[in-house]
Amino acid sequence: MHSKRYTAKIEEGWSVEDGYYHYITLPEELLKEMNWSEGTEVDINVQLAEYNNVLVISKVNENEKDRE
């Protein structure tokens, strides 16, 4: 396993259905490296701490999804 750092900004959008919402656009380089594309379902795990909050984003395993 290797580690790389990417930067993404939190952005805001608006729609008639949802009103205001926030989203993160992942860099194209990261999507290519992870072999993810539009429609890839991901799981987001939030780890809150006193000084550093962490988001862990992982692709949903289709086998695990079927068990739910």
N, C-alpha and C. Protein backbone atom coordinates (compact mmCIF):
# COMPACT_ATOMS: atom_id res chain seq x y z
N MET A 1 0.85 -1.17 0.00
CA MET A 1 0.00 0.00 0.00
C MET A 1 0.90 1.24 0.00
N HIS A 2 0.48 2.25 -0.72
CA HIS A 2 1.21 3.51 -0.71
C HIS A 2 0.24 4.64 -0.39
N SER A 3 0.79 5.79 -0.09
CA SER A 3 -0.03 6.91 0.34
C SER A 3 0.23 8.12 -0.55
N LYS A 4 -0.82 8.82 -0.93
CA LYS A 4 -0.72 10.07 -1.67
C LYS A 4 -1.68 11.05 -1.03
N ARG A 5 -1.37 12.30 -1.14
CA ARG A 5 -2.24 13.34 -0.59
C ARG A 5 -2.89 14.12 -1.74
N TYR A 6 -4.19 14.34 -1.62
CA TYR A 6 -4.95 15.11 -2.59
C TYR A 6 -5.67 16.22 -1.85
N THR A 7 -5.96 17.28 -2.56
CA THR A 7 -6.69 18.41 -1.98
C THR A 7 -8.01 18.57 -2.73
N ALA A 8 -9.07 18.77 -1.98
CA ALA A 8 -10.38 19.02 -2.57
C ALA A 8 -11.06 20.12 -1.76
N LYS A 9 -11.92 20.88 -2.41
CA LYS A 9 -12.64 21.95 -1.72
C LYS A 9 -14.08 21.54 -1.48
N ILE A 10 -14.61 22.00 -0.37
CA ILE A 10 -16.03 21.84 -0.11
C ILE A 10 -16.74 22.95 -0.87
N GLU A 11 -17.72 22.57 -1.67
CA GLU A 11 -18.44 23.54 -2.48
C GLU A 11 -19.92 23.52 -2.12
N GLU A 12 -20.62 24.55 -2.55
CA GLU A 12 -22.04 24.66 -2.23
C GLU A 12 -22.83 24.69 -3.52
N GLY A 13 -23.96 24.04 -3.50
CA GLY A 13 -24.87 24.06 -4.64
C GLY A 13 -26.28 24.34 -4.16
N TRP A 14 -27.18 24.47 -5.11
CA TRP A 14 -28.57 24.71 -4.76
C TRP A 14 -29.45 24.08 -5.81
N SER A 15 -30.53 23.45 -5.37
CA SER A 15 -31.52 22.92 -6.31
C SER A 15 -32.91 23.16 -5.73
N VAL A 16 -33.89 23.18 -6.59
CA VAL A 16 -35.27 23.39 -6.15
C VAL A 16 -35.69 22.27 -5.21
N GLU A 17 -35.30 21.03 -5.51
CA GLU A 17 -35.69 19.89 -4.69
C GLU A 17 -35.01 19.87 -3.32
N ASP A 18 -33.70 20.15 -3.30
CA ASP A 18 -32.91 19.98 -2.07
C ASP A 18 -32.57 21.27 -1.35
N GLY A 19 -32.76 22.41 -2.00
CA GLY A 19 -32.30 23.66 -1.41
C GLY A 19 -30.78 23.70 -1.47
N TYR A 20 -30.16 24.32 -0.48
CA TYR A 20 -28.70 24.39 -0.45
C TYR A 20 -28.12 23.05 0.01
N TYR A 21 -27.03 22.66 -0.59
CA TYR A 21 -26.32 21.45 -0.20
C TYR A 21 -24.82 21.67 -0.41
N HIS A 22 -24.01 20.83 0.19
CA HIS A 22 -22.55 20.91 0.05
C HIS A 22 -22.04 19.62 -0.56
N TYR A 23 -20.95 19.74 -1.29
CA TYR A 23 -20.36 18.56 -1.92
C TYR A 23 -18.85 18.75 -2.05
N ILE A 24 -18.17 17.64 -2.24
CA ILE A 24 -16.72 17.64 -2.45
C ILE A 24 -16.47 17.05 -3.83
N THR A 25 -15.73 17.76 -4.66
CA THR A 25 -15.35 17.26 -5.96
C THR A 25 -13.98 16.61 -5.82
N LEU A 26 -13.91 15.32 -6.12
CA LEU A 26 -12.64 14.60 -6.01
C LEU A 26 -11.80 14.86 -7.26
N PRO A 27 -10.48 15.03 -7.09
CA PRO A 27 -9.62 15.29 -8.24
C PRO A 27 -9.65 14.13 -9.25
N GLU A 28 -9.62 14.46 -10.53
CA GLU A 28 -9.64 13.46 -11.60
C GLU A 28 -8.52 12.43 -11.43
N GLU A 29 -7.33 12.89 -11.04
CA GLU A 29 -6.19 11.98 -10.85
C GLU A 29 -6.52 10.90 -9.80
N LEU A 30 -7.18 11.31 -8.72
CA LEU A 30 -7.57 10.36 -7.68
C LEU A 30 -8.59 9.36 -8.21
N LEU A 31 -9.58 9.84 -8.95
CA LEU A 31 -10.60 8.95 -9.51
C LEU A 31 -9.98 7.91 -10.43
N LYS A 32 -9.04 8.34 -11.26
CA LYS A 32 -8.37 7.40 -12.17
C LYS A 32 -7.56 6.38 -11.38
N GLU A 33 -6.81 6.84 -10.37
CA GLU A 33 -5.99 5.93 -9.57
C GLU A 33 -6.85 4.89 -8.84
N MET A 34 -8.02 5.30 -8.37
CA MET A 34 -8.91 4.40 -7.63
C MET A 34 -9.80 3.57 -8.56
N ASN A 35 -9.77 3.90 -9.86
CA ASN A 35 -10.63 3.25 -10.84
C ASN A 35 -12.10 3.48 -10.51
N TRP A 36 -12.42 4.70 -10.12
CA TRP A 36 -13.79 5.12 -9.80
C TRP A 36 -14.28 6.02 -10.92
N SER A 37 -15.59 6.01 -11.14
CA SER A 37 -16.18 6.89 -12.15
C SER A 37 -17.54 7.34 -11.62
N GLU A 38 -18.20 8.18 -12.41
CA GLU A 38 -19.52 8.66 -12.00
C GLU A 38 -20.43 7.46 -11.74
N GLY A 39 -21.12 7.49 -10.63
CA GLY A 39 -22.01 6.40 -10.28
C GLY A 39 -21.40 5.40 -9.31
N THR A 40 -20.08 5.48 -9.08
CA THR A 40 -19.45 4.60 -8.10
C THR A 40 -20.02 4.92 -6.73
N GLU A 41 -20.50 3.91 -6.03
CA GLU A 41 -21.08 4.12 -4.70
C GLU A 41 -19.97 3.99 -3.66
N VAL A 42 -19.89 5.00 -2.78
CA VAL A 42 -18.85 5.00 -1.75
C VAL A 42 -19.48 5.08 -0.36
N ASP A 43 -18.72 4.59 0.62
CA ASP A 43 -19.10 4.65 2.02
C ASP A 43 -18.21 5.71 2.65
N ILE A 44 -18.78 6.60 3.45
CA ILE A 44 -18.00 7.65 4.10
C ILE A 44 -18.06 7.43 5.61
N ASN A 45 -16.90 7.25 6.20
CA ASN A 45 -16.78 7.04 7.64
C ASN A 45 -16.17 8.31 8.23
N VAL A 46 -16.84 8.90 9.21
CA VAL A 46 -16.38 10.14 9.84
C VAL A 46 -15.78 9.79 11.20
N GLN A 47 -14.52 10.22 11.39
CA GLN A 47 -13.85 10.01 12.66
C GLN A 47 -13.57 11.37 13.27
N LEU A 48 -14.33 11.72 14.31
CA LEU A 48 -14.18 13.02 14.95
C LEU A 48 -13.22 12.91 16.13
N ALA A 49 -12.32 13.86 16.20
CA ALA A 49 -11.34 13.89 17.29
C ALA A 49 -11.20 15.33 17.77
N GLU A 50 -10.49 15.51 18.85
CA GLU A 50 -10.36 16.84 19.43
C GLU A 50 -9.64 17.81 18.49
N TYR A 51 -8.60 17.33 17.78
CA TYR A 51 -7.81 18.24 16.94
C TYR A 51 -7.88 17.93 15.45
N ASN A 52 -8.05 16.69 15.09
CA ASN A 52 -8.08 16.32 13.67
C ASN A 52 -9.30 15.46 13.39
N ASN A 53 -10.15 15.92 12.49
CA ASN A 53 -11.28 15.12 12.04
C ASN A 53 -10.87 14.44 10.74
N VAL A 54 -11.32 13.20 10.55
CA VAL A 54 -10.90 12.41 9.41
C VAL A 54 -12.12 11.85 8.68
N LEU A 55 -12.10 11.93 7.36
CA LEU A 55 -13.09 11.26 6.52
C LEU A 55 -12.39 10.09 5.84
N VAL A 56 -12.93 8.91 5.97
CA VAL A 56 -12.42 7.74 5.28
C VAL A 56 -13.45 7.38 4.23
N ILE A 57 -13.04 7.44 2.96
CA ILE A 57 -13.96 7.17 1.86
C ILE A 57 -13.52 5.87 1.20
N SER A 58 -14.43 4.91 1.13
CA SER A 58 -14.10 3.63 0.50
C SER A 58 -15.23 3.21 -0.44
N LYS A 59 -14.85 2.49 -1.48
CA LYS A 59 -15.83 2.01 -2.44
C LYS A 59 -16.69 0.95 -1.77
N VAL A 60 -17.99 1.00 -2.03
CA VAL A 60 -18.90 0.01 -1.47
C VAL A 60 -18.64 -1.32 -2.18
N ASN A 61 -18.39 -2.35 -1.38
CA ASN A 61 -18.17 -3.68 -1.91
C ASN A 61 -19.53 -4.27 -2.29
N GLU A 62 -19.70 -4.64 -3.54
CA GLU A 62 -21.00 -5.13 -4.01
C GLU A 62 -21.44 -6.37 -3.22
N ASN A 63 -20.51 -7.23 -2.79
CA ASN A 63 -20.87 -8.42 -2.03
C ASN A 63 -21.43 -8.05 -0.66
N GLU A 64 -20.83 -7.06 -0.01
CA GLU A 64 -21.32 -6.61 1.28
C GLU A 64 -22.66 -5.88 1.15
N LYS A 65 -22.84 -5.16 0.06
CA LYS A 65 -24.08 -4.43 -0.18
C LYS A 65 -25.26 -5.40 -0.27
N ASP A 66 -25.04 -6.55 -0.88
CA ASP A 66 -26.11 -7.54 -1.04
C ASP A 66 -26.56 -8.11 0.31
N ARG A 67 -25.71 -8.08 1.33
CA ARG A 67 -26.05 -8.63 2.64
C ARG A 67 -26.94 -7.73 3.45
N GLU A 68 -27.06 -6.45 3.09
CA GLU A 68 -27.85 -5.49 3.89
C GLU A 68 -29.34 -5.75 3.78
